[in-house]
Amino acid sequence: MRCLARRIGIALLSAFLFGGCQQAGTGSAPQSAAEPAPGSAVDNKLRFFEPEFSALLDQVVGTLGDACVSSASDGARLDACLRDHFAEAFDDSRQGRRYCDFHADVSDFIGCVAIGNTLIDVRHRLADDTPVPDAFWRQEGAMIDALTETIVKRGIDRCGVSEDSVAVRECVMTWFEQQVDLPENLAGRCEAQPDEKDRYGCFVEGVMLRYLQDHVPRLGAMST
């Protein structure tokens, strides 16, 4: 299970942070409203909440191990148990279990379910309840592209279009922070960042951390 913990961590980071470096197309929307891209400020690694993520991943892996290792008679049953338990706890959209199952590696499946549902939750917080694009669950970068498109469209609806790109960015950033509504113990760390990109990257990490924190207890409840 120690190896699985490392693989899950890599899967989450790859899907959430590396994917965030891809900028979605914004059509006629000004580029300034779409910057910075989600995750672009984290330099492909956790910078703001690494200890919290590490503790949560250990808890996820330990709880999954307790639930599945002793009851699985072979590798295939272990894989199925891990997938079923994680999806039951984290797949609020009820789409991830079906659409992420093409991943042969269980850690990639877990990353797909966790990231996909986190970003759907953020889209809902940004008042976007439209269905996710067909490519959302399967194409690299499509999850982040869908979120970026939401930020651009809803951000422009809120802040308008202006030649003053700095003012537009600041307006969109303020709106984004208000809508995601992180708990103060997370938001405070992000608001203290003096650089705009660092602040944004911190909020992106915080969003993922909050989703994990909210859902990890479900795994424990399933195992009792």
Protein backbone atom coordinates (compact mmCIF):
# COMPACT_ATOMS: atom_id res chain seq x y z
CA MET A 1 0.00 0.00 0.00
CA ARG A 2 2.96 2.36 0.44
CA CYS A 3 3.58 2.09 -3.31
CA LEU A 4 -0.09 2.82 -3.95
CA ALA A 5 0.15 5.97 -1.80
CA ARG A 6 2.97 7.29 -3.96
CA ARG A 7 1.11 6.43 -7.18
CA ILE A 8 -2.09 8.13 -5.96
CA GLY A 9 -0.13 11.23 -5.02
CA ILE A 10 1.51 11.36 -8.44
CA ALA A 11 -1.84 10.83 -10.17
CA LEU A 12 -3.50 13.65 -8.25
CA LEU A 13 -0.62 16.03 -8.84
CA SER A 14 -0.35 15.16 -12.53
CA ALA A 15 -4.04 15.54 -13.23
CA PHE A 16 -4.58 18.64 -11.13
CA LEU A 17 -1.36 20.60 -11.40
CA PHE A 18 0.25 19.55 -14.68
CA GLY A 19 -3.09 19.77 -16.46
CA GLY A 20 -3.51 23.26 -15.06
CA CYS A 21 -0.58 24.51 -17.11
CA GLN A 22 -2.69 24.19 -20.26
CA GLN A 23 -4.60 27.33 -21.13
CA ALA A 24 -8.06 26.85 -22.56
CA GLY A 25 -9.11 28.63 -25.72
CA THR A 26 -11.16 31.69 -24.86
CA GLY A 27 -12.69 32.63 -28.19
CA SER A 28 -13.58 36.31 -28.24
CA ALA A 29 -12.98 36.73 -24.51
CA PRO A 30 -9.96 38.86 -23.62
CA GLN A 31 -6.92 36.81 -22.66
CA SER A 32 -6.48 38.93 -19.55
CA ALA A 33 -9.72 37.60 -18.09
CA ALA A 34 -8.48 34.03 -18.40
CA GLU A 35 -5.11 34.52 -16.72
CA PRO A 36 -3.63 33.07 -14.69
CA ALA A 37 -4.62 29.56 -15.76
CA PRO A 38 -5.67 27.28 -12.88
CA GLY A 39 -2.58 25.64 -11.40
CA SER A 40 -0.12 27.69 -13.43
CA ALA A 41 1.41 29.27 -10.35
CA VAL A 42 2.33 26.07 -8.57
CA ASP A 43 5.31 25.11 -10.76
CA ASN A 44 4.03 21.54 -11.08
CA LYS A 45 4.32 20.84 -7.36
CA LEU A 46 2.47 21.57 -4.18
CA ARG A 47 3.61 24.82 -2.62
CA PHE A 48 1.03 25.91 -0.10
CA PHE A 49 -0.65 22.88 1.52
CA GLU A 50 1.84 20.02 1.08
CA PRO A 51 1.69 18.77 4.71
CA GLU A 52 -2.13 18.69 4.64
CA PHE A 53 -2.18 16.84 1.33
CA SER A 54 0.39 14.33 2.54
CA ALA A 55 -1.59 13.57 5.70
CA LEU A 56 -4.82 13.17 3.72
CA LEU A 57 -3.25 10.86 1.15
CA ASP A 58 -1.86 8.69 3.95
CA GLN A 59 -5.36 8.56 5.44
CA VAL A 60 -6.94 7.68 2.09
CA VAL A 61 -4.49 4.88 1.41
CA GLY A 62 -4.66 3.52 4.95
CA THR A 63 -8.44 3.46 4.97
CA LEU A 64 -8.64 1.87 1.52
CA GLY A 65 -6.09 -0.72 2.61
CA ASP A 66 -8.06 -1.59 5.74
CA ALA A 67 -11.23 -1.96 3.68
CA CYS A 68 -9.86 -3.97 0.78
CA VAL A 69 -6.55 -5.75 1.36
CA SER A 70 -7.71 -8.46 3.74
CA SER A 71 -10.92 -9.18 1.83
CA ALA A 72 -9.46 -9.32 -1.69
CA SER A 73 -8.33 -12.77 -2.75
CA ASP A 74 -6.43 -11.62 -5.84
CA GLY A 75 -5.23 -8.51 -7.64
CA ALA A 76 -8.36 -8.07 -9.72
CA ARG A 77 -10.64 -8.13 -6.67
CA LEU A 78 -8.33 -5.72 -4.83
CA ASP A 79 -8.42 -3.33 -7.78
CA ALA A 80 -12.22 -3.50 -7.99
CA CYS A 81 -12.60 -2.95 -4.24
CA LEU A 82 -10.31 0.10 -4.25
CA ARG A 83 -12.19 1.61 -7.18
CA ASP A 84 -15.62 0.94 -5.71
CA HIS A 85 -14.78 2.34 -2.26
CA PHE A 86 -13.12 5.47 -3.58
CA ALA A 87 -15.90 6.21 -6.07
CA GLU A 88 -18.58 5.65 -3.46
CA ALA A 89 -16.96 8.26 -1.23
CA PHE A 90 -15.79 10.82 -3.80
CA ASP A 91 -17.96 10.56 -6.91
CA ASP A 92 -20.63 13.16 -6.10
CA SER A 93 -21.38 13.66 -9.79
CA ARG A 94 -22.04 9.95 -10.28
CA GLN A 95 -20.11 10.23 -13.54
CA GLY A 96 -16.56 9.47 -12.47
CA ARG A 97 -16.98 5.76 -11.72
CA ARG A 98 -18.26 5.16 -15.24
CA TYR A 99 -16.13 7.57 -17.24
CA CYS A 100 -12.82 7.08 -15.40
CA ASP A 101 -12.93 3.29 -15.48
CA PHE A 102 -10.94 3.19 -18.72
CA HIS A 103 -7.80 3.88 -16.65
CA ALA A 104 -6.00 0.58 -16.21
CA ASP A 105 -4.04 1.81 -13.18
CA VAL A 106 -6.10 2.26 -10.03
CA SER A 107 -4.14 5.37 -8.99
CA ASP A 108 -4.96 7.01 -12.34
CA PHE A 109 -8.61 6.10 -11.81
CA ILE A 110 -8.56 7.67 -8.34
CA GLY A 111 -6.93 10.83 -9.70
CA CYS A 112 -9.53 11.05 -12.46
CA VAL A 113 -12.47 10.68 -10.07
CA ALA A 114 -11.06 13.09 -7.49
CA ILE A 115 -10.02 15.83 -9.90
CA GLY A 116 -13.11 15.55 -12.08
CA ASN A 117 -15.51 15.82 -9.18
CA THR A 118 -13.54 18.65 -7.57
CA LEU A 119 -13.69 20.74 -10.74
CA ILE A 120 -17.39 19.99 -11.27
CA ASP A 121 -17.95 21.19 -7.70
CA VAL A 122 -16.04 24.41 -8.47
CA ARG A 123 -18.06 24.94 -11.67
CA HIS A 124 -21.24 24.66 -9.62
CA ARG A 125 -19.89 27.22 -7.14
CA LEU A 126 -19.30 29.52 -10.12
CA ALA A 127 -22.97 29.12 -11.12
CA ASP A 128 -22.22 26.82 -14.06
CA ASP A 129 -24.47 23.76 -13.96
CA THR A 130 -24.17 22.94 -17.66
CA PRO A 131 -23.09 19.38 -18.57
CA VAL A 132 -19.34 18.90 -18.82
CA PRO A 133 -17.96 18.49 -22.36
CA ASP A 134 -17.72 15.00 -23.84
CA ALA A 135 -13.92 15.11 -23.60
CA PHE A 136 -13.95 16.10 -19.92
CA TRP A 137 -13.18 12.68 -18.46
CA ARG A 138 -10.94 11.31 -21.19
CA GLN A 139 -8.73 13.93 -22.81
CA GLU A 140 -5.67 15.38 -21.10
CA GLY A 141 -6.27 18.95 -20.02
CA ALA A 142 -10.01 18.84 -20.79
CA MET A 143 -11.04 19.11 -17.13
CA ILE A 144 -8.98 22.26 -16.61
CA ASP A 145 -10.13 23.62 -19.98
CA ALA A 146 -13.76 23.25 -18.89
CA LEU A 147 -13.11 25.06 -15.61
CA THR A 148 -11.14 27.82 -17.33
CA GLU A 149 -13.98 28.35 -19.81
CA THR A 150 -16.38 28.70 -16.89
CA ILE A 151 -14.10 31.22 -15.16
CA VAL A 152 -13.78 33.26 -18.36
CA LYS A 153 -17.49 33.29 -19.20
CA ARG A 154 -18.80 33.85 -15.69
CA GLY A 155 -15.96 36.23 -14.85
CA ILE A 156 -16.72 38.43 -17.85
CA ASP A 157 -20.41 38.33 -16.98
CA ARG A 158 -19.47 39.66 -13.55
CA CYS A 159 -16.63 42.04 -14.42
CA GLY A 160 -17.29 43.06 -18.01
CA VAL A 161 -14.72 43.77 -20.71
CA SER A 162 -12.23 46.61 -20.40
CA GLU A 163 -9.00 47.82 -21.94
CA ASP A 164 -7.65 47.89 -18.40
CA SER A 165 -6.55 44.24 -18.27
CA VAL A 166 -5.13 44.58 -14.75
CA ALA A 167 -8.48 45.79 -13.41
CA VAL A 168 -10.29 42.93 -15.18
CA ARG A 169 -7.90 40.34 -13.73
CA GLU A 170 -8.25 41.76 -10.25
CA CYS A 171 -12.02 41.79 -10.54
CA VAL A 172 -12.15 38.20 -11.79
CA MET A 173 -9.76 37.08 -9.06
CA THR A 174 -11.82 38.73 -6.34
CA TRP A 175 -15.01 37.20 -7.74
CA PHE A 176 -13.37 33.77 -7.96
CA GLU A 177 -12.20 33.92 -4.35
CA GLN A 178 -15.65 34.91 -3.18
CA GLN A 179 -17.40 32.16 -5.12
CA VAL A 180 -15.15 29.28 -4.11
CA ASP A 181 -15.58 30.43 -0.50
CA LEU A 182 -12.71 28.56 1.11
CA PRO A 183 -12.78 28.18 4.91
CA GLU A 184 -10.83 30.90 6.68
CA ASN A 185 -8.08 28.52 7.79
CA LEU A 186 -7.32 27.86 4.11
CA ALA A 187 -8.23 31.22 2.59
CA GLY A 188 -6.13 33.14 5.08
CA ARG A 189 -2.96 31.43 3.91
CA CYS A 190 -3.81 32.31 0.31
CA GLU A 191 -4.80 35.90 0.95
CA ALA A 192 -1.42 36.45 2.60
CA GLN A 193 0.39 35.72 -0.68
CA PRO A 194 1.73 39.04 -2.04
CA ASP A 195 1.90 37.89 -5.66
CA GLU A 196 -1.36 37.55 -7.65
CA LYS A 197 -0.30 34.31 -9.35
CA ASP A 198 0.80 32.78 -6.05
CA ARG A 199 -2.50 33.78 -4.49
CA TYR A 200 -4.41 32.17 -7.32
CA GLY A 201 -2.30 29.01 -7.21
CA CYS A 202 -2.87 28.81 -3.48
CA PHE A 203 -6.64 29.05 -3.91
CA VAL A 204 -6.53 26.29 -6.53
CA GLU A 205 -4.64 24.01 -4.15
CA GLY A 206 -7.03 24.96 -1.36
CA VAL A 207 -10.05 24.00 -3.44
CA MET A 208 -8.67 20.51 -4.00
CA LEU A 209 -7.68 20.17 -0.36
CA ARG A 210 -11.15 21.17 0.83
CA TYR A 211 -12.80 18.59 -1.42
CA LEU A 212 -10.52 15.85 -0.11
CA GLN A 213 -11.03 16.93 3.49
CA ASP A 214 -14.80 16.91 3.06
CA HIS A 215 -14.87 13.43 1.52
CA VAL A 216 -12.14 11.42 3.26
CA PRO A 217 -14.38 10.85 6.33
CA ARG A 218 -16.81 9.01 4.06
CA LEU A 219 -14.17 6.36 3.44
CA GLY A 220 -13.82 5.76 7.16
CA ALA A 221 -17.59 5.51 7.59
CA MET A 222 -17.77 2.90 4.84
CA SER A 223 -15.13 0.78 6.56
CA THR A 224 -16.88 0.57 9.93
